[in-house]
PDB file of N, CA and C in Angstrom:
ATOM      1  N   MET A   1      14.854  -6.356  46.999  1.00  0.00           N
ATOM      2  CA  MET A   1      14.445  -5.601  48.174  1.00  0.00           C
ATOM      3  C   MET A   1      14.132  -6.594  49.286  1.00  0.00           C
ATOM      4  N   TYR A   2      14.576  -6.251  50.499  1.00  0.00           N
ATOM      5  CA  TYR A   2      14.356  -7.111  51.648  1.00  0.00           C
ATOM      6  C   TYR A   2      12.958  -6.903  52.226  1.00  0.00           C
ATOM      7  N   ARG A   3      12.368  -7.971  52.665  1.00  0.00           N
ATOM      8  CA  ARG A   3      11.071  -7.903  53.325  1.00  0.00           C
ATOM      9  C   ARG A   3      11.310  -7.830  54.832  1.00  0.00           C
ATOM     10  N   ILE A   4      10.559  -6.997  55.511  1.00  0.00           N
ATOM     11  CA  ILE A   4      10.665  -6.876  56.966  1.00  0.00           C
ATOM     12  C   ILE A   4       9.605  -7.776  57.599  1.00  0.00           C
ATOM     13  N   ASN A   5      10.070  -8.679  58.455  1.00  0.00           N
ATOM     14  CA  ASN A   5       9.146  -9.576  59.159  1.00  0.00           C
ATOM     15  C   ASN A   5       8.650  -8.972  60.466  1.00  0.00           C
ATOM     16  N   ALA A   6       9.530  -8.228  61.154  1.00  0.00           N
ATOM     17  CA  ALA A   6       9.153  -7.645  62.447  1.00  0.00           C
ATOM     18  C   ALA A   6      10.115  -6.522  62.795  1.00  0.00           C
ATOM     19  N   ILE A   7       9.630  -5.604  63.624  1.00  0.00           N
ATOM     20  CA  ILE A   7      10.489  -4.563  64.188  1.00  0.00           C
ATOM     21  C   ILE A   7      10.214  -4.484  65.682  1.00  0.00           C
ATOM     22  N   SER A   8      11.228  -4.108  66.427  1.00  0.00           N
ATOM     23  CA  SER A   8      11.038  -3.847  67.851  1.00  0.00           C
ATOM     24  C   SER A   8      11.875  -2.634  68.235  1.00  0.00           C
ATOM     25  N   ILE A   9      11.334  -1.858  69.145  1.00  0.00           N
ATOM     26  CA  ILE A   9      11.992  -0.644  69.608  1.00  0.00           C
ATOM     27  C   ILE A   9      12.992  -1.027  70.690  1.00  0.00           C
ATOM     28  N   VAL A  10      14.221  -0.590  70.511  1.00  0.00           N
ATOM     29  CA  VAL A  10      15.291  -0.881  71.465  1.00  0.00           C
ATOM     30  C   VAL A  10      15.506   0.312  72.393  1.00  0.00           C
ATOM     31  N   SER A  11      15.459   1.506  71.824  1.00  0.00           N
ATOM     32  CA  SER A  11      15.656   2.737  72.589  1.00  0.00           C
ATOM     33  C   SER A  11      14.930   3.863  71.852  1.00  0.00           C
ATOM     34  N   ASP A  12      15.169   5.096  72.282  1.00  0.00           N
ATOM     35  CA  ASP A  12      14.530   6.246  71.639  1.00  0.00           C
ATOM     36  C   ASP A  12      15.169   6.605  70.306  1.00  0.00           C
ATOM     37  N   GLN A  13      16.097   5.772  69.829  1.00  0.00           N
ATOM     38  CA  GLN A  13      16.714   6.026  68.529  1.00  0.00           C
ATOM     39  C   GLN A  13      17.119   4.759  67.799  1.00  0.00           C
ATOM     40  N   GLU A  14      16.892   3.598  68.400  1.00  0.00           N
ATOM     41  CA  GLU A  14      17.304   2.346  67.777  1.00  0.00           C
ATOM     42  C   GLU A  14      16.153   1.362  67.642  1.00  0.00           C
ATOM     43  N   LEU A  15      16.205   0.611  66.558  1.00  0.00           N
ATOM     44  CA  LEU A  15      15.228  -0.442  66.293  1.00  0.00           C
ATOM     45  C   LEU A  15      15.957  -1.732  65.967  1.00  0.00           C
ATOM     46  N   ASP A  16      15.375  -2.852  66.350  1.00  0.00           N
ATOM     47  CA  ASP A  16      15.807  -4.143  65.833  1.00  0.00           C
ATOM     48  C   ASP A  16      14.852  -4.487  64.707  1.00  0.00           C
ATOM     49  N   VAL A  17      15.422  -4.807  63.545  1.00  0.00           N
ATOM     50  CA  VAL A  17      14.617  -5.115  62.372  1.00  0.00           C
ATOM     51  C   VAL A  17      14.930  -6.538  61.944  1.00  0.00           C
ATOM     52  N   GLN A  18      13.889  -7.366  61.893  1.00  0.00           N
ATOM     53  CA  GLN A  18      14.044  -8.750  61.451  1.00  0.00           C
ATOM     54  C   GLN A  18      13.656  -8.828  59.971  1.00  0.00           C
ATOM     55  N   PHE A  19      14.595  -9.338  59.173  1.00  0.00           N
ATOM     56  CA  PHE A  19      14.403  -9.422  57.727  1.00  0.00           C
ATOM     57  C   PHE A  19      14.042 -10.843  57.302  1.00  0.00           C
ATOM     58  N   ASP A  20      13.536 -10.957  56.091  1.00  0.00           N
ATOM     59  CA  ASP A  20      13.160 -12.263  55.569  1.00  0.00           C
ATOM     60  C   ASP A  20      14.360 -13.177  55.316  1.00  0.00           C
ATOM     61  N   THR A  21      15.562 -12.647  55.463  1.00  0.00           N
ATOM     62  CA  THR A  21      16.779 -13.454  55.336  1.00  0.00           C
ATOM     63  C   THR A  21      17.034 -14.258  56.610  1.00  0.00           C
ATOM     64  N   GLY A  22      16.274 -13.958  57.672  1.00  0.00           N
ATOM     65  CA  GLY A  22      16.480 -14.584  58.963  1.00  0.00           C
ATOM     66  C   GLY A  22      17.366 -13.753  59.872  1.00  0.00           C
ATOM     67  N   GLU A  23      17.953 -12.705  59.329  1.00  0.00           N
ATOM     68  CA  GLU A  23      18.828 -11.832  60.107  1.00  0.00           C
ATOM     69  C   GLU A  23      18.009 -10.778  60.848  1.00  0.00           C
ATOM     70  N   THR A  24      18.506 -10.423  62.027  1.00  0.00           N
ATOM     71  CA  THR A  24      17.972  -9.281  62.765  1.00  0.00           C
ATOM     72  C   THR A  24      19.108  -8.282  62.888  1.00  0.00           C
ATOM     73  N   LYS A  25      18.831  -7.058  62.468  1.00  0.00           N
ATOM     74  CA  LYS A  25      19.854  -6.018  62.523  1.00  0.00           C
ATOM     75  C   LYS A  25      19.386  -4.868  63.393  1.00  0.00           C
ATOM     76  N   ARG A  26      20.325  -4.327  64.177  1.00  0.00           N
ATOM     77  CA  ARG A  26      20.059  -3.145  64.993  1.00  0.00           C
ATOM     78  C   ARG A  26      20.330  -1.911  64.144  1.00  0.00           C
ATOM     79  N   CYS A  27      19.333  -1.046  64.049  1.00  0.00           N
ATOM     80  CA  CYS A  27      19.420   0.153  63.206  1.00  0.00           C
ATOM     81  C   CYS A  27      19.330   1.395  64.079  1.00  0.00           C
ATOM     82  N   ASP A  28      20.378   2.198  64.041  1.00  0.00           N
ATOM     83  CA  ASP A  28      20.411   3.467  64.764  1.00  0.00           C
ATOM     84  C   ASP A  28      19.875   4.545  63.829  1.00  0.00           C
ATOM     85  N   ILE A  29      18.693   5.009  64.112  1.00  0.00           N
ATOM     86  CA  ILE A  29      18.004   5.970  63.246  1.00  0.00           C
ATOM     87  C   ILE A  29      18.444   7.407  63.539  1.00  0.00           C
ATOM     88  N   SER A  30      19.146   7.629  64.640  1.00  0.00           N
ATOM     89  CA  SER A  30      19.520   8.991  65.040  1.00  0.00           C
ATOM     90  C   SER A  30      20.377   9.694  63.989  1.00  0.00           C
ATOM     91  N   ARG A  31      21.033   8.956  63.119  1.00  0.00           N
ATOM     92  CA  ARG A  31      21.837   9.580  62.056  1.00  0.00           C
ATOM     93  C   ARG A  31      20.986  10.457  61.142  1.00  0.00           C
ATOM     94  N   TYR A  32      19.673  10.253  61.147  1.00  0.00           N
ATOM     95  CA  TYR A  32      18.766  11.029  60.291  1.00  0.00           C
ATOM     96  C   TYR A  32      18.082  12.178  61.036  1.00  0.00           C
ATOM     97  N   PHE A  33      18.262  12.263  62.360  1.00  0.00           N
ATOM     98  CA  PHE A  33      17.539  13.234  63.177  1.00  0.00           C
ATOM     99  C   PHE A  33      17.850  14.690  62.828  1.00  0.00           C
ATOM    100  N   ASP A  34      18.863  14.948  62.037  1.00  0.00           N
ATOM    101  CA  ASP A  34      19.172  16.338  61.663  1.00  0.00           C
ATOM    102  C   ASP A  34      18.753  16.645  60.223  1.00  0.00           C
ATOM    103  N   LYS A  35      17.936  15.771  59.633  1.00  0.00           N
ATOM    104  CA  LYS A  35      17.532  15.922  58.237  1.00  0.00           C
ATOM    105  C   LYS A  35      16.015  16.067  58.092  1.00  0.00           C
ATOM    106  N   GLY A  36      15.567  17.187  57.573  1.00  0.00           N
ATOM    107  CA  GLY A  36      14.168  17.394  57.189  1.00  0.00           C
ATOM    108  C   GLY A  36      13.150  16.877  58.189  1.00  0.00           C
ATOM    109  N   ILE A  37      12.206  16.105  57.662  1.00  0.00           N
ATOM    110  CA  ILE A  37      11.096  15.589  58.463  1.00  0.00           C
ATOM    111  C   ILE A  37      11.563  14.650  59.570  1.00  0.00           C
ATOM    112  N   PHE A  38      12.761  14.071  59.409  1.00  0.00           N
ATOM    113  CA  PHE A  38      13.294  13.157  60.415  1.00  0.00           C
ATOM    114  C   PHE A  38      13.648  13.865  61.719  1.00  0.00           C
ATOM    115  N   ARG A  39      13.798  15.187  61.684  1.00  0.00           N
ATOM    116  CA  ARG A  39      14.078  15.947  62.913  1.00  0.00           C
ATOM    117  C   ARG A  39      13.016  15.671  63.978  1.00  0.00           C
ATOM    118  N   GLN A  40      11.785  15.510  63.531  1.00  0.00           N
ATOM    119  CA  GLN A  40      10.675  15.277  64.458  1.00  0.00           C
ATOM    120  C   GLN A  40      10.824  13.957  65.219  1.00  0.00           C
ATOM    121  N   LEU A  41      11.591  13.019  64.664  1.00  0.00           N
ATOM    122  CA  LEU A  41      11.736  11.706  65.293  1.00  0.00           C
ATOM    123  C   LEU A  41      12.619  11.735  66.535  1.00  0.00           C
ATOM    124  N   SER A  42      13.279  12.861  66.794  1.00  0.00           N
ATOM    125  CA  SER A  42      14.037  12.981  68.040  1.00  0.00           C
ATOM    126  C   SER A  42      13.083  13.063  69.241  1.00  0.00           C
ATOM    127  N   ASN A  43      11.796  13.267  68.971  1.00  0.00           N
ATOM    128  CA  ASN A  43      10.761  13.204  70.000  1.00  0.00           C
ATOM    129  C   ASN A  43      10.466  11.724  70.254  1.00  0.00           C
ATOM    130  N   PRO A  44      10.804  11.208  71.454  1.00  0.00           N
ATOM    131  CA  PRO A  44      10.622   9.779  71.727  1.00  0.00           C
ATOM    132  C   PRO A  44       9.187   9.290  71.525  1.00  0.00           C
ATOM    133  N   ASN A  45       8.207  10.139  71.834  1.00  0.00           N
ATOM    134  CA  ASN A  45       6.812   9.724  71.660  1.00  0.00           C
ATOM    135  C   ASN A  45       6.488   9.455  70.197  1.00  0.00           C
ATOM    136  N   LEU A  46       7.004  10.267  69.308  1.00  0.00           N
ATOM    137  CA  LEU A  46       6.784  10.052  67.883  1.00  0.00           C
ATOM    138  C   LEU A  46       7.621   8.866  67.388  1.00  0.00           C
ATOM    139  N   PHE A  47       8.876   8.799  67.801  1.00  0.00           N
ATOM    140  CA  PHE A  47       9.748   7.714  67.346  1.00  0.00           C
ATOM    141  C   PHE A  47       9.131   6.352  67.644  1.00  0.00           C
ATOM    142  N   ARG A  48       8.513   6.205  68.794  1.00  0.00           N
ATOM    143  CA  ARG A  48       7.951   4.923  69.223  1.00  0.00           C
ATOM    144  C   ARG A  48       6.664   4.553  68.482  1.00  0.00           C
ATOM    145  N   GLN A  49       6.184   5.424  67.615  1.00  0.00           N
ATOM    146  CA  GLN A  49       4.986   5.121  66.826  1.00  0.00           C
ATOM    147  C   GLN A  49       5.321   4.499  65.468  1.00  0.00           C
ATOM    148  N   VAL A  50       6.549   4.063  65.308  1.00  0.00           N
ATOM    149  CA  VAL A  50       6.993   3.450  64.064  1.00  0.00           C
ATOM    150  C   VAL A  50       6.171   2.191  63.768  1.00  0.00           C
ATOM    151  N   ARG A  51       5.977   1.934  62.488  1.00  0.00           N
ATOM    152  CA  ARG A  51       5.309   0.699  62.088  1.00  0.00           C
ATOM    153  C   ARG A  51       5.944   0.168  60.813  1.00  0.00           C
ATOM    154  N   SER A  52       5.842  -1.126  60.652  1.00  0.00           N
ATOM    155  CA  SER A  52       6.384  -1.785  59.470  1.00  0.00           C
ATOM    156  C   SER A  52       5.389  -1.659  58.319  1.00  0.00           C
ATOM    157  N   ILE A  53       5.918  -1.443  57.125  1.00  0.00           N
ATOM    158  CA  ILE A  53       5.089  -1.423  55.915  1.00  0.00           C
ATOM    159  C   ILE A  53       5.646  -2.445  54.909  1.00  0.00           C
ATOM    160  N   THR A  54       6.079  -3.589  55.401  1.00  0.00           N
ATOM    161  CA  THR A  54       6.608  -4.733  54.654  1.00  0.00           C
ATOM    162  C   THR A  54       7.972  -4.480  54.035  1.00  0.00           C
ATOM    163  N   TYR A  55       8.088  -3.492  53.164  1.00  0.00           N
ATOM    164  CA  TYR A  55       9.368  -3.198  52.525  1.00  0.00           C
ATOM    165  C   TYR A  55       9.968  -1.892  53.043  1.00  0.00           C
ATOM    166  N   GLY A  56       9.605  -1.549  54.282  1.00  0.00           N
ATOM    167  CA  GLY A  56      10.119  -0.349  54.915  1.00  0.00           C
ATOM    168  C   GLY A  56       9.430  -0.118  56.241  1.00  0.00           C
ATOM    169  N   ILE A  57       9.715   1.034  56.827  1.00  0.00           N
ATOM    170  CA  ILE A  57       9.053   1.461  58.060  1.00  0.00           C
ATOM    171  C   ILE A  57       8.600   2.899  57.871  1.00  0.00           C
ATOM    172  N   GLU A  58       7.587   3.284  58.657  1.00  0.00           N
ATOM    173  CA  GLU A  58       7.106   4.662  58.568  1.00  0.00           C
ATOM    174  C   GLU A  58       6.580   5.130  59.905  1.00  0.00           C
ATOM    175  N   TRP A  59       6.485   6.437  60.014  1.00  0.00           N
ATOM    176  CA  TRP A  59       5.965   7.095  61.204  1.00  0.00           C
ATOM    177  C   TRP A  59       4.751   7.919  60.812  1.00  0.00           C
ATOM    178  N   PRO A  60       3.923   8.322  61.793  1.00  0.00           N
ATOM    179  CA  PRO A  60       2.728   9.107  61.495  1.00  0.00           C
ATOM    180  C   PRO A  60       3.009  10.440  60.791  1.00  0.00           C
ATOM    181  N   ASN A  61       4.229  10.984  60.931  1.00  0.00           N
ATOM    182  CA  ASN A  61       4.545  12.260  60.286  1.00  0.00           C
ATOM    183  C   ASN A  61       4.984  12.072  58.827  1.00  0.00           C
ATOM    184  N   GLU A  62       4.855  10.844  58.308  1.00  0.00           N
ATOM    185  CA  GLU A  62       5.163  10.477  56.921  1.00  0.00           C
ATOM    186  C   GLU A  62       6.651  10.282  56.642  1.00  0.00           C
ATOM    187  N   ALA A  63       7.494  10.325  57.673  1.00  0.00           N
ATOM    188  CA  ALA A  63       8.900   9.941  57.497  1.00  0.00           C
ATOM    189  C   ALA A  63       8.919   8.428  57.264  1.00  0.00           C
ATOM    190  N   ASP A  64       9.797   7.993  56.378  1.00  0.00           N
ATOM    191  CA  ASP A  64       9.904   6.564  56.133  1.00  0.00           C
ATOM    192  C   ASP A  64      11.308   6.192  55.678  1.00  0.00           C
ATOM    193  N   LEU A  65      11.638   4.922  55.859  1.00  0.00           N
ATOM    194  CA  LEU A  65      12.915   4.379  55.409  1.00  0.00           C
ATOM    195  C   LEU A  65      12.647   3.039  54.750  1.00  0.00           C
ATOM    196  N   SER A  66      13.338   2.782  53.659  1.00  0.00           N
ATOM    197  CA  SER A  66      13.151   1.523  52.953  1.00  0.00           C
ATOM    198  C   SER A  66      13.859   0.388  53.669  1.00  0.00           C
ATOM    199  N   SER A  67      13.427  -0.822  53.397  1.00  0.00           N
ATOM    200  CA  SER A  67      14.074  -1.993  53.983  1.00  0.00           C
ATOM    201  C   SER A  67      15.521  -2.106  53.519  1.00  0.00           C
ATOM    202  N   ASP A  68      15.813  -1.715  52.293  1.00  0.00           N
ATOM    203  CA  ASP A  68      17.198  -1.751  51.801  1.00  0.00           C
ATOM    204  C   ASP A  68      18.094  -0.799  52.588  1.00  0.00           C
ATOM    205  N   THR A  69      17.578   0.388  52.900  1.00  0.00           N
ATOM    206  CA  THR A  69      18.343   1.344  53.703  1.00  0.00           C
ATOM    207  C   THR A  69      18.597   0.777  55.089  1.00  0.00           C
ATOM    208  N   LEU A  70      17.564   0.224  55.709  1.00  0.00           N
ATOM    209  CA  LEU A  70      17.708  -0.349  57.040  1.00  0.00           C
ATOM    210  C   LEU A  70      18.710  -1.504  57.044  1.00  0.00           C
ATOM    211  N   TYR A  71      18.651  -2.326  56.018  1.00  0.00           N
ATOM    212  CA  TYR A  71      19.590  -3.455  55.924  1.00  0.00           C
ATOM    213  C   TYR A  71      21.027  -2.935  55.810  1.00  0.00           C
ATOM    214  N   ALA A  72      21.205  -1.878  55.041  1.00  0.00           N
ATOM    215  CA  ALA A  72      22.548  -1.317  54.825  1.00  0.00           C
ATOM    216  C   ALA A  72      23.116  -0.652  56.078  1.00  0.00           C
ATOM    217  N   ILE A  73      22.285   0.047  56.844  1.00  0.00           N
ATOM    218  CA  ILE A  73      22.807   0.758  58.020  1.00  0.00           C
ATOM    219  C   ILE A  73      22.830  -0.112  59.266  1.00  0.00           C
ATOM    220  N   GLY A  74      22.128  -1.216  59.236  1.00  0.00           N
ATOM    221  CA  GLY A  74      22.011  -2.065  60.426  1.00  0.00           C
ATOM    222  C   GLY A  74      23.257  -2.901  60.678  1.00  0.00           C
ATOM    223  N   VAL A  75      23.432  -3.245  61.929  1.00  0.00           N
ATOM    224  CA  VAL A  75      24.487  -4.181  62.329  1.00  0.00           C
ATOM    225  C   VAL A  75      23.800  -5.390  62.957  1.00  0.00           C
ATOM    226  N   ILE A  76      24.398  -6.544  62.772  1.00  0.00           N
ATOM    227  CA  ILE A  76      23.797  -7.766  63.292  1.00  0.00           C
ATOM    228  C   ILE A  76      23.555  -7.604  64.790  1.00  0.00           C
ATOM    229  N   SER A  77      22.317  -7.857  65.187  1.00  0.00           N
ATOM    230  CA  SER A  77      21.919  -7.698  66.582  1.00  0.00           C
ATOM    231  C   SER A  77      22.324  -8.934  67.372  1.00  0.00           C
ATOM    232  N   GLN A  78      22.842  -8.699  68.562  1.00  0.00           N
ATOM    233  CA  GLN A  78      23.238  -9.800  69.449  1.00  0.00           C
ATOM    234  C   GLN A  78      22.128 -10.162  70.434  1.00  0.00           C
ATOM    235  N   LYS A  79      21.003  -9.473  70.365  1.00  0.00           N
ATOM    236  CA  LYS A  79      19.845  -9.682  71.250  1.00  0.00           C
ATOM    237  C   LYS A  79      20.297 -10.208  72.559  1.00  0.00           C
TER     238      LYS A  79
END
């Protein structure tokens, strides 16, 4: 499992996630906005409340994604 060193908000649906591998990947979370509790994340105010939990990320509404999922969906960020 990948460890998350840092996250930064890029837009109302994208995050840059820095992993312990030294890679930073851009993750488009909008692919989940039509699924269950993730629907609430289409609200920019809620989306921006994301926080890292070392091996994943979570929001106040209890939606979460694992670091492995983020690594798999992310593309190398060109910052």
